[in-house]
Amino acid sequence: MVLTLTQEDYMRMKRVILDHDEAEAFLMIRELCKRIEQQKQHGLKSHLDVC
């Protein structure tokens, strides 16, 4: 699985690391996990889908 990070994601990661902000790091991980789940759901196809 591949998660594409935006420039904002990268900048936010750098800020979290530099600030040692554990709460913000946790929030970011939650958001990234949510995006992964959404991508997985979006990628699923139903047998009822028409080609």
C-alpha atoms as a PDB file:
ATOM      1  CA  MET A   1       0.000   0.000   0.000  1.00  0.00           C
ATOM      2  CA  VAL A   2       1.226   3.461  -0.863  1.00  0.00           C
ATOM      3  CA  LEU A   3       0.166   6.639   0.880  1.00  0.00           C
ATOM      4  CA  THR A   4       0.977   9.799  -1.006  1.00  0.00           C
ATOM      5  CA  LEU A   5       1.949  12.680   1.223  1.00  0.00           C
ATOM      6  CA  THR A   6       1.284  16.259   0.272  1.00  0.00           C
ATOM      7  CA  GLN A   7       3.785  19.040   0.767  1.00  0.00           C
ATOM      8  CA  GLU A   8       1.648  20.164   3.728  1.00  0.00           C
ATOM      9  CA  ASP A   9       1.870  16.653   5.241  1.00  0.00           C
ATOM     10  CA  TYR A  10       5.642  16.720   4.962  1.00  0.00           C
ATOM     11  CA  MET A  11       5.923  20.206   6.458  1.00  0.00           C
ATOM     12  CA  ARG A  12       3.619  19.190   9.305  1.00  0.00           C
ATOM     13  CA  MET A  13       5.763  16.118  10.002  1.00  0.00           C
ATOM     14  CA  LYS A  14       8.900  18.238  10.120  1.00  0.00           C
ATOM     15  CA  ARG A  15       7.205  20.692  12.502  1.00  0.00           C
ATOM     16  CA  VAL A  16       6.049  17.862  14.790  1.00  0.00           C
ATOM     17  CA  ILE A  17       9.573  16.442  14.907  1.00  0.00           C
ATOM     18  CA  LEU A  18      11.225  19.786  15.550  1.00  0.00           C
ATOM     19  CA  ASP A  19       8.703  20.746  18.240  1.00  0.00           C
ATOM     20  CA  HIS A  20       8.633  17.283  19.855  1.00  0.00           C
ATOM     21  CA  ASP A  21       4.841  17.668  19.837  1.00  0.00           C
ATOM     22  CA  GLU A  22       3.536  14.248  20.861  1.00  0.00           C
ATOM     23  CA  ALA A  23      -0.130  15.248  20.796  1.00  0.00           C
ATOM     24  CA  GLU A  24       0.144  16.622  17.258  1.00  0.00           C
ATOM     25  CA  ALA A  25       2.099  13.525  16.162  1.00  0.00           C
ATOM     26  CA  PHE A  26      -0.699  11.303  17.467  1.00  0.00           C
ATOM     27  CA  LEU A  27      -3.326  13.376  15.640  1.00  0.00           C
ATOM     28  CA  MET A  28      -1.352  13.175  12.423  1.00  0.00           C
ATOM     29  CA  ILE A  29      -1.004   9.400  12.667  1.00  0.00           C
ATOM     30  CA  ARG A  30      -4.754   9.112  13.219  1.00  0.00           C
ATOM     31  CA  GLU A  31      -5.449  11.274  10.171  1.00  0.00           C
ATOM     32  CA  LEU A  32      -3.035   9.301   7.989  1.00  0.00           C
ATOM     33  CA  CYS A  33      -4.599   6.020   9.119  1.00  0.00           C
ATOM     34  CA  LYS A  34      -8.029   7.403   8.270  1.00  0.00           C
ATOM     35  CA  ARG A  35      -6.794   8.342   4.780  1.00  0.00           C
ATOM     36  CA  ILE A  36      -5.401   4.839   4.304  1.00  0.00           C
ATOM     37  CA  GLU A  37      -8.740   3.327   5.304  1.00  0.00           C
ATOM     38  CA  GLN A  38     -10.562   5.640   2.899  1.00  0.00           C
ATOM     39  CA  GLN A  39      -8.223   4.629   0.079  1.00  0.00           C
ATOM     40  CA  LYS A  40      -8.807   0.961   0.870  1.00  0.00           C
ATOM     41  CA  GLN A  41     -12.591   1.480   0.846  1.00  0.00           C
ATOM     42  CA  HIS A  42     -12.425   3.467  -2.379  1.00  0.00           C
ATOM     43  CA  GLY A  43     -10.360   0.756  -4.053  1.00  0.00           C
ATOM     44  CA  LEU A  44     -12.863  -1.993  -3.299  1.00  0.00           C
ATOM     45  CA  LYS A  45     -15.123  -2.959  -6.163  1.00  0.00           C
ATOM     46  CA  SER A  46     -18.446  -4.648  -5.906  1.00  0.00           C
ATOM     47  CA  HIS A  47     -19.398  -7.575  -8.093  1.00  0.00           C
ATOM     48  CA  LEU A  48     -22.453  -5.466  -8.919  1.00  0.00           C
ATOM     49  CA  ASP A  49     -20.380  -2.680 -10.494  1.00  0.00           C
ATOM     50  CA  VAL A  50     -20.915  -2.344 -14.224  1.00  0.00           C
ATOM     51  CA  CYS A  51     -17.768  -2.261 -16.337  1.00  0.00           C
END
